[in-house]
Amino acid sequence: MGQEARVSSISVLKQLRASLGTFAKIASIAMEEASAGIQHTRQWVREDQYRFWKAQVQARTEQFTRAKRALKQRQVFDRTLAGTPSSCVDEKKALQVAEARLREAEYKLSRVKAWSQQIEKEWSDYRAATQRLVNGVEVEIPNARARLDKMIDSLEAYFALAPLEMCRSGTEPPEVDLVQPGEAPAPVPPEHPAPAPPSAAETVEAPPETTPTPHGNSVP
């Protein structure tokens, strides 16, 4: 089914084309910045924090092992020399500190793993939510701008030829209107309007015809 278009100004189409390009550019920059921020966070959690706390667990495990060995050596040494077990206050405190630091590193590493999984889920949800916008910016808007380009070129070519054709035919150039689908087009006046009916003053009855007689008189 055919559709009519009422174009009142080609400049409006050009403005629409420019506005679509501006929107696509702004939306693209915003999505790129958001994606860059998410990627930076993913890298910081999955790589930087994971490597850091994994190394901390290893280092603090070694510190805990050394503190436990030092306590045991002190106990053996004091028992050997004094014959009685020593309190080993300093060694016990050092072992408690080393154990607490090891537990902290293990907890932080477990949280990094949990947050890494959560970030991956959020990243997947974000990509799914913005896929339609990405498709609009990368596919639909460029296609729409290409159609507008063709429309503008066709209309400009038509308006460039219309004055010449009108001069040859001696008529005025027609207006090109843009009618939305479903809207009734504007009525077009007829080229040769019907003559107006005569007024009462102009309506005069014609005299009857007369027929001449042999005597020269006329008979109505």
N, C-alpha and C. Protein backbone atom coordinates (compact mmCIF):
# COMPACT_ATOMS: atom_id res chain seq x y z
N MET A 1 0.86 -1.19 0.00
CA MET A 1 0.00 0.00 0.00
C MET A 1 0.88 1.23 0.00
N GLY A 2 0.63 2.14 -0.90
CA GLY A 2 1.49 3.31 -1.03
C GLY A 2 1.32 4.28 0.13
N GLN A 3 2.35 5.03 0.42
CA GLN A 3 2.35 6.05 1.45
C GLN A 3 2.77 7.37 0.83
N GLU A 4 2.14 8.44 1.27
CA GLU A 4 2.47 9.76 0.78
C GLU A 4 3.37 10.47 1.77
N ALA A 5 4.13 11.43 1.29
CA ALA A 5 5.03 12.21 2.14
C ALA A 5 4.85 13.68 1.83
N ARG A 6 4.69 14.46 2.89
CA ARG A 6 4.56 15.91 2.73
C ARG A 6 5.82 16.55 3.28
N VAL A 7 6.68 17.01 2.43
CA VAL A 7 7.95 17.60 2.83
C VAL A 7 7.82 19.11 2.78
N SER A 8 7.86 19.75 3.93
CA SER A 8 7.75 21.20 3.98
C SER A 8 9.10 21.88 3.96
N SER A 9 10.17 21.17 4.34
CA SER A 9 11.50 21.79 4.37
C SER A 9 12.56 20.70 4.34
N ILE A 10 13.43 20.75 3.36
CA ILE A 10 14.53 19.79 3.31
C ILE A 10 15.50 20.02 4.45
N SER A 11 15.62 21.25 4.91
CA SER A 11 16.55 21.55 6.00
C SER A 11 16.18 20.80 7.27
N VAL A 12 14.88 20.51 7.46
CA VAL A 12 14.47 19.74 8.64
C VAL A 12 15.02 18.32 8.55
N LEU A 13 15.01 17.74 7.37
CA LEU A 13 15.59 16.41 7.19
C LEU A 13 17.09 16.44 7.47
N LYS A 14 17.75 17.49 7.03
CA LYS A 14 19.18 17.60 7.30
C LYS A 14 19.45 17.76 8.79
N GLN A 15 18.60 18.52 9.48
CA GLN A 15 18.76 18.67 10.93
C GLN A 15 18.52 17.34 11.65
N LEU A 16 17.53 16.58 11.19
CA LEU A 16 17.28 15.27 11.77
C LEU A 16 18.47 14.35 11.58
N ARG A 17 19.04 14.37 10.38
CA ARG A 17 20.21 13.54 10.11
C ARG A 17 21.37 13.92 11.03
N ALA A 18 21.61 15.23 11.21
CA ALA A 18 22.68 15.69 12.08
C ALA A 18 22.41 15.31 13.54
N SER A 19 21.15 15.41 13.96
CA SER A 19 20.80 15.07 15.35
C SER A 19 21.02 13.59 15.62
N LEU A 20 20.67 12.75 14.66
CA LEU A 20 20.92 11.32 14.82
C LEU A 20 22.41 11.03 14.95
N GLY A 21 23.21 11.71 14.15
CA GLY A 21 24.66 11.53 14.25
C GLY A 21 25.20 11.98 15.59
N THR A 22 24.70 13.12 16.10
CA THR A 22 25.15 13.62 17.40
C THR A 22 24.78 12.65 18.51
N PHE A 23 23.53 12.16 18.49
CA PHE A 23 23.11 11.21 19.51
C PHE A 23 23.95 9.94 19.48
N ALA A 24 24.20 9.41 18.28
CA ALA A 24 25.00 8.19 18.16
C ALA A 24 26.41 8.41 18.71
N LYS A 25 26.99 9.58 18.45
CA LYS A 25 28.33 9.86 18.94
C LYS A 25 28.36 9.94 20.46
N ILE A 26 27.40 10.68 21.04
CA ILE A 26 27.36 10.83 22.50
C ILE A 26 27.11 9.48 23.18
N ALA A 27 26.16 8.71 22.65
CA ALA A 27 25.86 7.40 23.24
C ALA A 27 27.05 6.46 23.12
N SER A 28 27.74 6.51 22.00
CA SER A 28 28.90 5.64 21.81
C SER A 28 30.01 5.99 22.80
N ILE A 29 30.26 7.28 23.00
CA ILE A 29 31.29 7.70 23.95
C ILE A 29 30.92 7.27 25.37
N ALA A 30 29.64 7.44 25.74
CA ALA A 30 29.20 7.07 27.08
C ALA A 30 29.36 5.57 27.32
N MET A 31 28.99 4.76 26.34
CA MET A 31 29.13 3.32 26.50
C MET A 31 30.59 2.90 26.54
N GLU A 32 31.43 3.55 25.76
CA GLU A 32 32.86 3.24 25.79
C GLU A 32 33.46 3.57 27.15
N GLU A 33 33.08 4.72 27.72
CA GLU A 33 33.60 5.09 29.04
C GLU A 33 33.11 4.11 30.11
N ALA A 34 31.84 3.73 30.04
CA ALA A 34 31.31 2.77 31.01
C ALA A 34 32.01 1.43 30.89
N SER A 35 32.20 0.97 29.67
CA SER A 35 32.88 -0.31 29.45
C SER A 35 34.32 -0.26 29.93
N ALA A 36 34.99 0.88 29.68
CA ALA A 36 36.37 1.01 30.14
C ALA A 36 36.45 0.98 31.66
N GLY A 37 35.50 1.64 32.34
CA GLY A 37 35.49 1.61 33.80
C GLY A 37 35.26 0.21 34.35
N ILE A 38 34.33 -0.51 33.74
CA ILE A 38 34.06 -1.88 34.18
C ILE A 38 35.26 -2.78 33.93
N GLN A 39 35.88 -2.64 32.77
CA GLN A 39 37.05 -3.45 32.46
C GLN A 39 38.19 -3.17 33.43
N HIS A 40 38.36 -1.90 33.80
CA HIS A 40 39.40 -1.55 34.76
C HIS A 40 39.14 -2.21 36.11
N THR A 41 37.88 -2.18 36.55
CA THR A 41 37.53 -2.82 37.82
C THR A 41 37.73 -4.33 37.75
N ARG A 42 37.33 -4.93 36.65
CA ARG A 42 37.52 -6.38 36.48
C ARG A 42 38.99 -6.74 36.56
N GLN A 43 39.82 -5.98 35.88
CA GLN A 43 41.25 -6.27 35.91
C GLN A 43 41.83 -6.08 37.30
N TRP A 44 41.38 -5.02 37.99
CA TRP A 44 41.90 -4.74 39.33
C TRP A 44 41.54 -5.86 40.31
N VAL A 45 40.31 -6.37 40.21
CA VAL A 45 39.88 -7.43 41.14
C VAL A 45 40.44 -8.78 40.73
N ARG A 46 40.26 -9.14 39.46
CA ARG A 46 40.62 -10.49 39.01
C ARG A 46 42.13 -10.71 38.94
N GLU A 47 42.86 -9.66 38.61
CA GLU A 47 44.30 -9.83 38.42
C GLU A 47 45.12 -9.19 39.55
N ASP A 48 44.98 -7.88 39.71
CA ASP A 48 45.84 -7.19 40.68
C ASP A 48 45.58 -7.67 42.10
N GLN A 49 44.32 -7.61 42.53
CA GLN A 49 44.01 -8.01 43.90
C GLN A 49 44.20 -9.51 44.12
N TYR A 50 43.87 -10.29 43.13
CA TYR A 50 44.05 -11.73 43.28
C TYR A 50 45.52 -12.09 43.43
N ARG A 51 46.38 -11.53 42.58
CA ARG A 51 47.81 -11.82 42.70
C ARG A 51 48.37 -11.33 44.03
N PHE A 52 47.93 -10.13 44.45
CA PHE A 52 48.45 -9.56 45.69
C PHE A 52 48.12 -10.44 46.90
N TRP A 53 46.85 -10.79 47.05
CA TRP A 53 46.46 -11.54 48.24
C TRP A 53 46.89 -12.99 48.16
N LYS A 54 47.03 -13.54 46.99
CA LYS A 54 47.58 -14.89 46.88
C LYS A 54 49.04 -14.90 47.33
N ALA A 55 49.79 -13.88 46.93
CA ALA A 55 51.18 -13.77 47.38
C ALA A 55 51.24 -13.52 48.88
N GLN A 56 50.28 -12.73 49.42
CA GLN A 56 50.26 -12.48 50.85
C GLN A 56 49.97 -13.75 51.64
N VAL A 57 49.10 -14.59 51.13
CA VAL A 57 48.82 -15.86 51.81
C VAL A 57 50.08 -16.71 51.86
N GLN A 58 50.80 -16.78 50.77
CA GLN A 58 52.03 -17.57 50.75
C GLN A 58 53.07 -17.00 51.71
N ALA A 59 53.26 -15.67 51.66
CA ALA A 59 54.27 -15.05 52.52
C ALA A 59 53.89 -15.19 54.00
N ARG A 60 52.64 -14.99 54.33
CA ARG A 60 52.23 -15.05 55.73
C ARG A 60 52.17 -16.48 56.24
N THR A 61 51.96 -17.42 55.33
CA THR A 61 52.05 -18.83 55.73
C THR A 61 53.48 -19.15 56.15
N GLU A 62 54.44 -18.65 55.42
CA GLU A 62 55.84 -18.87 55.78
C GLU A 62 56.17 -18.19 57.11
N GLN A 63 55.63 -16.98 57.34
CA GLN A 63 55.87 -16.29 58.60
C GLN A 63 55.24 -17.06 59.77
N PHE A 64 54.06 -17.58 59.56
CA PHE A 64 53.41 -18.37 60.60
C PHE A 64 54.21 -19.63 60.90
N THR A 65 54.71 -20.26 59.86
CA THR A 65 55.52 -21.48 60.05
C THR A 65 56.79 -21.17 60.82
N ARG A 66 57.45 -20.06 60.49
CA ARG A 66 58.67 -19.69 61.21
C ARG A 66 58.38 -19.35 62.67
N ALA A 67 57.25 -18.64 62.91
CA ALA A 67 56.91 -18.29 64.29
C ALA A 67 56.60 -19.55 65.10
N LYS A 68 55.94 -20.49 64.51
CA LYS A 68 55.63 -21.74 65.22
C LYS A 68 56.90 -22.54 65.49
N ARG A 69 57.83 -22.54 64.53
CA ARG A 69 59.09 -23.23 64.72
C ARG A 69 59.92 -22.56 65.82
N ALA A 70 59.89 -21.22 65.83
CA ALA A 70 60.66 -20.50 66.85
C ALA A 70 60.12 -20.79 68.25
N LEU A 71 58.81 -20.88 68.38
CA LEU A 71 58.23 -21.20 69.69
C LEU A 71 58.63 -22.60 70.14
N LYS A 72 58.60 -23.53 69.23
CA LYS A 72 58.96 -24.90 69.58
C LYS A 72 60.43 -25.00 69.96
N GLN A 73 61.29 -24.32 69.22
CA GLN A 73 62.73 -24.34 69.54
C GLN A 73 63.00 -23.72 70.91
N ARG A 74 62.26 -22.64 71.23
CA ARG A 74 62.46 -22.00 72.53
C ARG A 74 62.02 -22.91 73.66
N GLN A 75 60.94 -23.58 73.45
CA GLN A 75 60.46 -24.50 74.48
C GLN A 75 61.46 -25.63 74.71
N VAL A 76 62.00 -26.19 73.63
CA VAL A 76 62.98 -27.27 73.75
C VAL A 76 64.26 -26.77 74.40
N PHE A 77 64.66 -25.57 74.03
CA PHE A 77 65.90 -25.00 74.57
C PHE A 77 65.78 -24.76 76.07
N ASP A 78 64.67 -24.15 76.49
CA ASP A 78 64.50 -23.86 77.91
C ASP A 78 64.36 -25.14 78.72
N ARG A 79 63.71 -26.12 78.19
CA ARG A 79 63.55 -27.38 78.90
C ARG A 79 64.89 -28.09 79.05
N THR A 80 65.72 -27.94 78.04
CA THR A 80 67.02 -28.60 78.08
C THR A 80 67.93 -27.94 79.10
N LEU A 81 67.90 -26.59 79.12
CA LEU A 81 68.81 -25.88 80.02
C LEU A 81 68.27 -25.82 81.44
N ALA A 82 67.02 -25.44 81.58
CA ALA A 82 66.48 -25.22 82.93
C ALA A 82 65.81 -26.46 83.49
N GLY A 83 65.44 -27.36 82.65
CA GLY A 83 64.76 -28.55 83.12
C GLY A 83 63.28 -28.34 83.34
N THR A 84 62.83 -27.12 83.13
CA THR A 84 61.41 -26.80 83.29
C THR A 84 60.92 -26.07 82.03
N PRO A 85 59.66 -26.24 81.68
CA PRO A 85 59.15 -25.54 80.49
C PRO A 85 59.15 -24.04 80.70
N SER A 86 59.42 -23.27 79.64
CA SER A 86 59.46 -21.82 79.71
C SER A 86 58.10 -21.25 79.28
N SER A 87 57.84 -20.03 79.74
CA SER A 87 56.59 -19.38 79.34
C SER A 87 56.60 -18.97 77.87
N CYS A 88 57.76 -18.62 77.35
CA CYS A 88 57.92 -18.24 75.93
C CYS A 88 56.90 -17.18 75.52
N VAL A 89 56.81 -16.10 76.31
CA VAL A 89 55.80 -15.08 76.07
C VAL A 89 55.98 -14.41 74.71
N ASP A 90 57.20 -14.01 74.42
CA ASP A 90 57.45 -13.30 73.15
C ASP A 90 57.15 -14.18 71.94
N GLU A 91 57.59 -15.43 72.01
CA GLU A 91 57.37 -16.33 70.88
C GLU A 91 55.88 -16.63 70.67
N LYS A 92 55.15 -16.75 71.77
CA LYS A 92 53.72 -17.00 71.64
C LYS A 92 52.99 -15.79 71.04
N LYS A 93 53.40 -14.59 71.45
CA LYS A 93 52.80 -13.38 70.88
C LYS A 93 53.10 -13.27 69.39
N ALA A 94 54.34 -13.57 69.02
CA ALA A 94 54.72 -13.52 67.61
C ALA A 94 53.92 -14.54 66.80
N LEU A 95 53.68 -15.72 67.40
CA LEU A 95 52.90 -16.73 66.69
C LEU A 95 51.45 -16.29 66.53
N GLN A 96 50.89 -15.66 67.55
CA GLN A 96 49.51 -15.18 67.45
C GLN A 96 49.37 -14.10 66.36
N VAL A 97 50.35 -13.20 66.33
CA VAL A 97 50.30 -12.15 65.30
C VAL A 97 50.41 -12.76 63.90
N ALA A 98 51.34 -13.71 63.73
CA ALA A 98 51.53 -14.35 62.42
C ALA A 98 50.28 -15.11 62.00
N GLU A 99 49.65 -15.77 62.97
CA GLU A 99 48.43 -16.51 62.64
C GLU A 99 47.29 -15.57 62.25
N ALA A 100 47.15 -14.46 62.97
CA ALA A 100 46.09 -13.50 62.65
C ALA A 100 46.30 -12.89 61.27
N ARG A 101 47.54 -12.58 60.93
CA ARG A 101 47.82 -12.00 59.62
C ARG A 101 47.57 -13.02 58.51
N LEU A 102 47.85 -14.30 58.79
CA LEU A 102 47.58 -15.33 57.80
C LEU A 102 46.08 -15.50 57.58
N ARG A 103 45.32 -15.49 58.67
CA ARG A 103 43.86 -15.62 58.53
C ARG A 103 43.29 -14.43 57.76
N GLU A 104 43.82 -13.24 58.00
CA GLU A 104 43.36 -12.06 57.26
C GLU A 104 43.61 -12.21 55.77
N ALA A 105 44.81 -12.66 55.40
CA ALA A 105 45.14 -12.82 53.98
C ALA A 105 44.25 -13.88 53.33
N GLU A 106 43.99 -14.95 54.04
CA GLU A 106 43.13 -16.01 53.49
C GLU A 106 41.70 -15.50 53.30
N TYR A 107 41.22 -14.70 54.25
CA TYR A 107 39.87 -14.13 54.12
C TYR A 107 39.80 -13.16 52.94
N LYS A 108 40.80 -12.30 52.82
CA LYS A 108 40.80 -11.34 51.71
C LYS A 108 40.86 -12.07 50.36
N LEU A 109 41.63 -13.12 50.27
CA LEU A 109 41.71 -13.87 49.02
C LEU A 109 40.36 -14.51 48.68
N SER A 110 39.67 -15.03 49.69
CA SER A 110 38.35 -15.63 49.43
C SER A 110 37.35 -14.57 48.98
N ARG A 111 37.43 -13.35 49.54
CA ARG A 111 36.53 -12.28 49.13
C ARG A 111 36.86 -11.81 47.71
N VAL A 112 38.12 -11.79 47.36
CA VAL A 112 38.50 -11.41 46.00
C VAL A 112 37.91 -12.40 45.00
N LYS A 113 37.97 -13.68 45.31
CA LYS A 113 37.40 -14.69 44.42
C LYS A 113 35.88 -14.50 44.29
N ALA A 114 35.22 -14.23 45.41
CA ALA A 114 33.77 -14.04 45.37
C ALA A 114 33.40 -12.79 44.57
N TRP A 115 34.13 -11.69 44.79
CA TRP A 115 33.84 -10.46 44.06
C TRP A 115 34.17 -10.60 42.58
N SER A 116 35.15 -11.41 42.28
CA SER A 116 35.49 -11.63 40.87
C SER A 116 34.33 -12.32 40.15
N GLN A 117 33.71 -13.29 40.78
CA GLN A 117 32.56 -13.96 40.19
C GLN A 117 31.37 -13.01 40.06
N GLN A 118 31.16 -12.17 41.08
CA GLN A 118 30.05 -11.23 41.05
C GLN A 118 30.23 -10.19 39.94
N ILE A 119 31.45 -9.72 39.78
CA ILE A 119 31.72 -8.73 38.73
C ILE A 119 31.50 -9.34 37.35
N GLU A 120 31.88 -10.59 37.16
CA GLU A 120 31.65 -11.24 35.88
C GLU A 120 30.15 -11.34 35.57
N LYS A 121 29.35 -11.62 36.60
CA LYS A 121 27.91 -11.69 36.40
C LYS A 121 27.35 -10.31 36.04
N GLU A 122 27.80 -9.28 36.76
CA GLU A 122 27.32 -7.92 36.48
C GLU A 122 27.75 -7.47 35.09
N TRP A 123 28.94 -7.84 34.69
CA TRP A 123 29.44 -7.49 33.36
C TRP A 123 28.59 -8.15 32.28
N SER A 124 28.22 -9.41 32.49
CA SER A 124 27.38 -10.10 31.53
C SER A 124 25.99 -9.47 31.46
N ASP A 125 25.43 -9.11 32.62
CA ASP A 125 24.11 -8.46 32.64
C ASP A 125 24.15 -7.09 31.95
N TYR A 126 25.23 -6.36 32.17
CA TYR A 126 25.36 -5.04 31.55
C TYR A 126 25.42 -5.15 30.03
N ARG A 127 26.17 -6.08 29.54
CA ARG A 127 26.27 -6.26 28.09
C ARG A 127 24.93 -6.66 27.48
N ALA A 128 24.19 -7.52 28.18
CA ALA A 128 22.88 -7.92 27.67
C ALA A 128 21.90 -6.74 27.68
N ALA A 129 21.98 -5.90 28.72
CA ALA A 129 21.05 -4.77 28.84
C ALA A 129 21.33 -3.69 27.80
N THR A 130 22.58 -3.53 27.42
CA THR A 130 22.95 -2.45 26.49
C THR A 130 23.07 -2.93 25.04
N GLN A 131 22.79 -4.21 24.80
CA GLN A 131 22.95 -4.73 23.44
C GLN A 131 22.02 -4.03 22.46
N ARG A 132 20.80 -3.74 22.89
CA ARG A 132 19.85 -3.07 21.99
C ARG A 132 20.33 -1.66 21.66
N LEU A 133 20.85 -0.96 22.66
CA LEU A 133 21.37 0.39 22.40
C LEU A 133 22.59 0.32 21.48
N VAL A 134 23.46 -0.65 21.71
CA VAL A 134 24.63 -0.81 20.85
C VAL A 134 24.20 -1.08 19.41
N ASN A 135 23.20 -1.94 19.23
CA ASN A 135 22.72 -2.23 17.88
C ASN A 135 22.11 -0.98 17.23
N GLY A 136 21.41 -0.18 18.04
CA GLY A 136 20.85 1.06 17.50
C GLY A 136 21.92 2.03 17.06
N VAL A 137 22.96 2.17 17.87
CA VAL A 137 24.03 3.12 17.56
C VAL A 137 24.88 2.64 16.38
N GLU A 138 25.15 1.35 16.34
CA GLU A 138 26.08 0.83 15.33
C GLU A 138 25.40 0.41 14.03
N VAL A 139 24.10 0.09 14.08
CA VAL A 139 23.42 -0.43 12.88
C VAL A 139 22.24 0.44 12.47
N GLU A 140 21.28 0.60 13.38
CA GLU A 140 20.02 1.25 13.00
C GLU A 140 20.19 2.72 12.65
N ILE A 141 20.93 3.46 13.47
CA ILE A 141 21.12 4.89 13.18
C ILE A 141 21.90 5.10 11.89
N PRO A 142 23.02 4.39 11.64
CA PRO A 142 23.68 4.56 10.34
C PRO A 142 22.76 4.24 9.16
N ASN A 143 21.93 3.20 9.29
CA ASN A 143 20.99 2.89 8.20
C ASN A 143 19.97 4.01 8.01
N ALA A 144 19.48 4.55 9.12
CA ALA A 144 18.52 5.65 9.02
C ALA A 144 19.15 6.89 8.38
N ARG A 145 20.38 7.19 8.74
CA ARG A 145 21.06 8.34 8.14
C ARG A 145 21.30 8.11 6.65
N ALA A 146 21.60 6.88 6.27
CA ALA A 146 21.78 6.59 4.85
C ALA A 146 20.48 6.78 4.08
N ARG A 147 19.36 6.36 4.67
CA ARG A 147 18.07 6.58 4.01
C ARG A 147 17.75 8.07 3.90
N LEU A 148 18.07 8.82 4.94
CA LEU A 148 17.85 10.27 4.88
C LEU A 148 18.71 10.91 3.80
N ASP A 149 19.95 10.44 3.66
CA ASP A 149 20.82 10.97 2.60
C ASP A 149 20.18 10.77 1.23
N LYS A 150 19.67 9.57 0.98
CA LYS A 150 19.04 9.31 -0.30
C LYS A 150 17.79 10.17 -0.49
N MET A 151 17.02 10.32 0.57
CA MET A 151 15.81 11.14 0.49
C MET A 151 16.16 12.59 0.19
N ILE A 152 17.17 13.11 0.88
CA ILE A 152 17.58 14.50 0.67
C ILE A 152 18.10 14.70 -0.75
N ASP A 153 18.93 13.77 -1.21
CA ASP A 153 19.46 13.88 -2.58
C ASP A 153 18.33 13.86 -3.60
N SER A 154 17.36 12.97 -3.40
CA SER A 154 16.25 12.88 -4.36
C SER A 154 15.42 14.15 -4.37
N LEU A 155 15.14 14.69 -3.19
CA LEU A 155 14.33 15.91 -3.11
C LEU A 155 15.07 17.11 -3.69
N GLU A 156 16.36 17.21 -3.41
CA GLU A 156 17.13 18.31 -3.97
C GLU A 156 17.19 18.22 -5.49
N ALA A 157 17.34 17.00 -6.01
CA ALA A 157 17.33 16.84 -7.46
C ALA A 157 15.97 17.18 -8.04
N TYR A 158 14.90 16.82 -7.34
CA TYR A 158 13.55 17.14 -7.82
C TYR A 158 13.32 18.64 -7.83
N PHE A 159 13.69 19.32 -6.74
CA PHE A 159 13.48 20.76 -6.68
C PHE A 159 14.37 21.50 -7.68
N ALA A 160 15.52 20.91 -8.02
CA ALA A 160 16.38 21.55 -9.01
C ALA A 160 15.78 21.47 -10.40
N LEU A 161 15.05 20.38 -10.69
CA LEU A 161 14.44 20.21 -12.01
C LEU A 161 13.05 20.81 -12.09
N ALA A 162 12.35 20.93 -10.98
CA ALA A 162 10.96 21.40 -10.98
C ALA A 162 10.81 22.79 -11.57
N PRO A 163 11.61 23.80 -11.22
CA PRO A 163 11.43 25.14 -11.81
C PRO A 163 11.57 25.15 -13.33
N LEU A 164 12.53 24.37 -13.87
CA LEU A 164 12.71 24.32 -15.31
C LEU A 164 11.48 23.73 -15.99
N GLU A 165 10.94 22.65 -15.45
CA GLU A 165 9.76 22.04 -16.04
C GLU A 165 8.55 22.97 -15.94
N MET A 166 8.44 23.71 -14.84
CA MET A 166 7.31 24.62 -14.68
C MET A 166 7.40 25.79 -15.66
N CYS A 167 8.62 26.25 -15.92
CA CYS A 167 8.79 27.35 -16.89
C CYS A 167 8.38 26.89 -18.29
N ARG A 168 8.69 25.65 -18.64
CA ARG A 168 8.33 25.15 -19.96
C ARG A 168 6.81 25.02 -20.10
N SER A 169 6.15 24.59 -19.03
CA SER A 169 4.70 24.40 -19.10
C SER A 169 3.92 25.64 -18.74
N GLY A 170 4.59 26.67 -18.20
CA GLY A 170 3.93 27.91 -17.83
C GLY A 170 3.10 27.82 -16.59
N THR A 171 3.37 26.87 -15.71
CA THR A 171 2.62 26.71 -14.47
C THR A 171 3.52 26.98 -13.29
N GLU A 172 2.88 27.16 -12.13
CA GLU A 172 3.65 27.39 -10.91
C GLU A 172 4.25 26.08 -10.42
N PRO A 173 5.43 26.13 -9.79
CA PRO A 173 6.01 24.90 -9.23
C PRO A 173 5.14 24.39 -8.10
N PRO A 174 4.90 23.09 -8.04
CA PRO A 174 4.02 22.54 -7.01
C PRO A 174 4.71 22.50 -5.66
N GLU A 175 3.86 22.54 -4.64
CA GLU A 175 4.39 22.35 -3.29
C GLU A 175 4.48 20.85 -3.01
N VAL A 176 5.55 20.46 -2.32
CA VAL A 176 5.74 19.06 -1.95
C VAL A 176 5.48 18.94 -0.47
N ASP A 177 4.39 18.27 -0.10
CA ASP A 177 4.01 18.15 1.30
C ASP A 177 4.35 16.77 1.81
N LEU A 178 4.58 16.71 3.10
CA LEU A 178 4.89 15.44 3.76
C LEU A 178 3.68 15.01 4.56
N VAL A 179 2.98 13.96 4.09
CA VAL A 179 1.80 13.45 4.77
C VAL A 179 2.18 12.19 5.51
N GLN A 180 1.93 12.16 6.80
CA GLN A 180 2.23 10.98 7.59
C GLN A 180 1.28 9.86 7.19
N PRO A 181 1.69 8.58 7.37
CA PRO A 181 0.81 7.46 7.03
C PRO A 181 -0.49 7.54 7.81
N GLY A 182 -1.63 7.40 7.11
CA GLY A 182 -2.93 7.46 7.77
C GLY A 182 -3.55 8.84 7.77
N GLU A 183 -2.79 9.89 7.41
CA GLU A 183 -3.31 11.26 7.40
C GLU A 183 -3.89 11.56 6.02
N ALA A 184 -5.04 12.21 5.99
CA ALA A 184 -5.68 12.55 4.71
C ALA A 184 -4.92 13.67 4.03
N PRO A 185 -4.63 13.57 2.74
CA PRO A 185 -3.92 14.64 2.05
C PRO A 185 -4.78 15.88 1.93
N ALA A 186 -4.15 17.04 1.80
CA ALA A 186 -4.86 18.31 1.68
C ALA A 186 -5.60 18.34 0.35
N PRO A 187 -6.81 18.92 0.30
CA PRO A 187 -7.56 18.97 -0.97
C PRO A 187 -6.85 19.83 -2.00
N VAL A 188 -6.89 19.38 -3.24
CA VAL A 188 -6.23 20.08 -4.34
C VAL A 188 -7.29 20.84 -5.13
N PRO A 189 -7.15 22.16 -5.32
CA PRO A 189 -8.15 22.92 -6.08
C PRO A 189 -8.13 22.52 -7.54
N PRO A 190 -9.28 22.51 -8.23
CA PRO A 190 -9.32 22.11 -9.66
C PRO A 190 -8.62 23.13 -10.53
N GLU A 191 -8.07 22.62 -11.65
CA GLU A 191 -7.35 23.51 -12.56
C GLU A 191 -8.31 24.48 -13.25
N HIS A 192 -9.55 24.04 -13.62
CA HIS A 192 -10.53 24.89 -14.30
C HIS A 192 -11.80 24.93 -13.46
N PRO A 193 -11.93 25.89 -12.58
CA PRO A 193 -13.12 25.93 -11.71
C PRO A 193 -14.38 26.16 -12.52
N ALA A 194 -15.48 25.59 -12.04
CA ALA A 194 -16.77 25.75 -12.73
C ALA A 194 -17.24 27.19 -12.64
N PRO A 195 -17.90 27.72 -13.71
CA PRO A 195 -18.37 29.11 -13.69
C PRO A 195 -19.46 29.31 -12.66
N ALA A 196 -19.50 30.48 -12.08
CA ALA A 196 -20.52 30.79 -11.08
C ALA A 196 -21.87 30.94 -11.74
N PRO A 197 -22.96 30.55 -11.09
CA PRO A 197 -24.31 30.69 -11.69
C PRO A 197 -24.66 32.16 -11.88
N PRO A 198 -25.43 32.51 -12.92
CA PRO A 198 -25.78 33.92 -13.17
C PRO A 198 -26.68 34.47 -12.08
N SER A 199 -26.56 35.75 -11.84
CA SER A 199 -27.39 36.41 -10.84
C SER A 199 -28.78 36.68 -11.41
N ALA A 200 -29.69 37.13 -10.52
CA ALA A 200 -31.08 37.40 -10.95
C ALA A 200 -31.14 38.53 -11.96
N ALA A 201 -30.25 39.54 -11.80
CA ALA A 201 -30.27 40.69 -12.72
C ALA A 201 -29.84 40.30 -14.11
N GLU A 202 -28.95 39.25 -14.16
CA GLU A 202 -28.45 38.86 -15.46
C GLU A 202 -29.41 37.92 -16.19
N THR A 203 -30.36 37.35 -15.46
CA THR A 203 -31.29 36.40 -16.09
C THR A 203 -32.44 37.18 -16.72
N VAL A 204 -32.50 37.32 -18.03
CA VAL A 204 -33.54 38.07 -18.78
C VAL A 204 -34.19 37.13 -19.77
N GLU A 205 -35.52 37.13 -19.82
CA GLU A 205 -36.24 36.24 -20.74
C GLU A 205 -36.17 36.80 -22.17
N ALA A 206 -35.80 36.00 -23.10
CA ALA A 206 -35.70 36.44 -24.51
C ALA A 206 -37.09 36.65 -25.10
N PRO A 207 -37.27 37.66 -25.99
CA PRO A 207 -38.59 37.91 -26.61
C PRO A 207 -38.97 36.80 -27.54
N PRO A 208 -40.25 36.52 -27.66
CA PRO A 208 -40.68 35.42 -28.54
C PRO A 208 -40.46 35.77 -30.00
N GLU A 209 -40.25 34.74 -30.79
CA GLU A 209 -40.06 34.94 -32.23
C GLU A 209 -41.42 35.26 -32.89
N THR A 210 -41.37 36.07 -33.96
CA THR A 210 -42.61 36.46 -34.69
C THR A 210 -42.59 35.90 -36.09
N THR A 211 -43.79 35.65 -36.61
CA THR A 211 -43.94 35.10 -37.97
C THR A 211 -44.68 36.11 -38.84
N PRO A 212 -44.10 36.57 -39.94
CA PRO A 212 -44.79 37.57 -40.79
C PRO A 212 -46.01 36.98 -41.47
N THR A 213 -47.08 37.81 -41.67
CA THR A 213 -48.32 37.41 -42.36
C THR A 213 -48.33 38.01 -43.76
N PRO A 214 -49.27 37.54 -44.63
CA PRO A 214 -49.32 38.10 -46.00
C PRO A 214 -49.61 39.58 -46.02
N HIS A 215 -50.30 40.14 -44.99
CA HIS A 215 -50.64 41.56 -44.97
C HIS A 215 -49.54 42.41 -44.37
N GLY A 216 -48.43 41.79 -44.03
CA GLY A 216 -47.31 42.56 -43.49
C GLY A 216 -47.29 42.65 -42.00
N ASN A 217 -48.33 42.07 -41.35
CA ASN A 217 -48.32 42.08 -39.89
C ASN A 217 -47.59 40.86 -39.38
N SER A 218 -47.12 40.95 -38.21
CA SER A 218 -46.40 39.81 -37.61
C SER A 218 -47.26 39.17 -36.57
N VAL A 219 -47.26 37.90 -36.55
CA VAL A 219 -48.05 37.14 -35.56
C VAL A 219 -47.09 36.48 -34.59
N PRO A 220 -47.33 36.67 -33.30
CA PRO A 220 -46.42 36.05 -32.33
C PRO A 220 -46.59 34.55 -32.31
